[in-house]
Protein backbone atom coordinates (compact mmCIF):
# COMPACT_ATOMS: atom_id res chain seq x y z
CA UNK A 1 51.68 139.98 98.05
CA UNK A 2 52.19 141.96 101.23
CA UNK A 3 49.56 141.97 103.96
CA UNK A 4 48.83 145.65 103.29
CA UNK A 5 48.26 144.99 99.55
CA UNK A 6 46.05 142.04 100.44
CA UNK A 7 44.12 144.36 102.79
CA UNK A 8 43.70 146.78 99.86
CA UNK A 9 42.21 144.03 97.79
CA UNK A 10 39.81 143.17 100.56
CA UNK A 11 38.85 146.86 100.97
CA UNK A 12 38.28 147.10 97.18
CA UNK A 13 36.12 143.96 97.25
CA UNK A 14 33.98 145.43 100.10
CA UNK A 15 33.65 148.74 98.22
CA UNK A 16 32.47 146.91 95.06
CA UNK A 17 30.02 144.82 97.05
CA UNK A 18 28.57 148.00 98.62
CA UNK A 19 28.52 150.28 95.63
CA UNK A 20 28.52 148.03 92.53
CA UNK A 21 31.57 149.63 90.99
CA UNK A 22 35.29 149.91 91.76
CA UNK A 23 36.61 152.74 93.89
CA UNK A 24 38.70 155.56 92.44
CA UNK A 25 42.31 155.78 93.37
CA UNK A 26 41.41 158.70 95.66
CA UNK A 27 38.66 156.67 97.37
CA UNK A 28 41.10 153.77 97.79
CA UNK A 29 43.67 156.07 99.38
CA UNK A 30 41.09 157.62 101.71
CA UNK A 31 39.61 154.27 102.63
CA UNK A 32 43.00 152.78 103.42
CA UNK A 33 44.22 156.04 105.13
CA UNK A 34 47.07 156.44 102.68
CA UNK A 35 47.97 158.93 100.04
CA UNK A 36 46.57 158.75 96.49
CA UNK A 37 50.11 157.83 95.34
CA UNK A 38 50.20 154.89 97.75
CA UNK A 39 46.70 153.83 96.65
CA UNK A 40 47.94 153.79 93.07
CA UNK A 41 50.92 151.71 94.19
CA UNK A 42 48.54 149.19 95.70
CA UNK A 43 46.63 148.98 92.40
CA UNK A 44 49.90 148.34 90.51
CA UNK A 45 50.96 145.66 93.04
CA UNK A 46 47.51 144.02 92.74
CA UNK A 47 47.76 144.04 88.96
CA UNK A 48 51.23 142.58 89.02
CA UNK A 49 50.04 139.82 91.40
CA UNK A 50 47.13 139.05 89.02
CA UNK A 51 44.52 140.04 91.65
CA UNK A 52 42.96 142.74 89.49
CA UNK A 53 42.53 143.27 85.76
CA UNK A 54 42.90 146.83 84.56
CA UNK A 55 41.05 148.19 81.55
CA UNK A 56 43.36 150.80 80.08
CA UNK A 57 43.20 154.35 81.32
CA UNK A 58 39.48 154.29 82.15
CA UNK A 59 38.58 155.83 85.53
CA UNK A 60 37.73 153.00 87.95
CA UNK A 61 38.68 150.72 85.05
CA UNK A 62 39.62 147.57 86.86
CA UNK A 63 37.92 144.45 88.22
CA UNK A 64 38.83 141.83 90.75
CA UNK A 65 40.09 138.51 89.46
CA UNK A 66 38.58 135.44 91.05
CA UNK A 67 40.76 132.33 91.07
CA UNK A 68 42.15 129.72 93.46
CA UNK A 69 44.69 132.30 94.61
CA UNK A 70 42.04 135.03 94.90
CA UNK A 71 38.72 133.54 96.06
CA UNK A 72 35.40 135.38 95.59
CA UNK A 73 34.34 137.96 98.14
CA UNK A 74 32.02 137.02 101.02
CA UNK A 75 29.20 139.03 99.49
CA UNK A 76 29.58 137.19 96.16
CA UNK A 77 29.43 133.84 97.95
CA UNK A 78 26.39 134.93 99.95
CA UNK A 79 24.59 136.11 96.76
CA UNK A 80 25.31 132.81 95.04
CA UNK A 81 23.97 130.88 98.06
CA UNK A 82 20.82 132.98 98.11
CA UNK A 83 20.25 132.37 94.41
CA UNK A 84 20.64 128.61 94.93
CA UNK A 85 18.30 128.66 97.96
CA UNK A 86 15.54 130.58 96.22
CA UNK A 87 15.62 129.02 92.78
CA UNK A 88 13.04 126.34 92.43
CA UNK A 89 12.98 123.57 89.77
CA UNK A 90 11.22 124.83 86.71
CA UNK A 91 11.96 128.55 87.36
CA UNK A 92 13.93 128.79 84.14
CA UNK A 93 11.11 127.45 82.00
């Protein structure tokens, strides 16, 4: 994966952390200061690398893949830590 495609993945992760859903191809292009066509190329490269999973032709229909090669986003790690910090024994009962 090229550094620019990796940067696109990071930008997408930040967008999802902020908005709760994936950016459109247009938003990706605008956020990365590239054309919509180049934004689409980034999505294809990310899919080929296994960094995202696409869901057919649905608008914004993709999600980030978390694995050893593609660790979770900083916001996801922070949320998990906060959950662990604030859960008390017996909360689930």
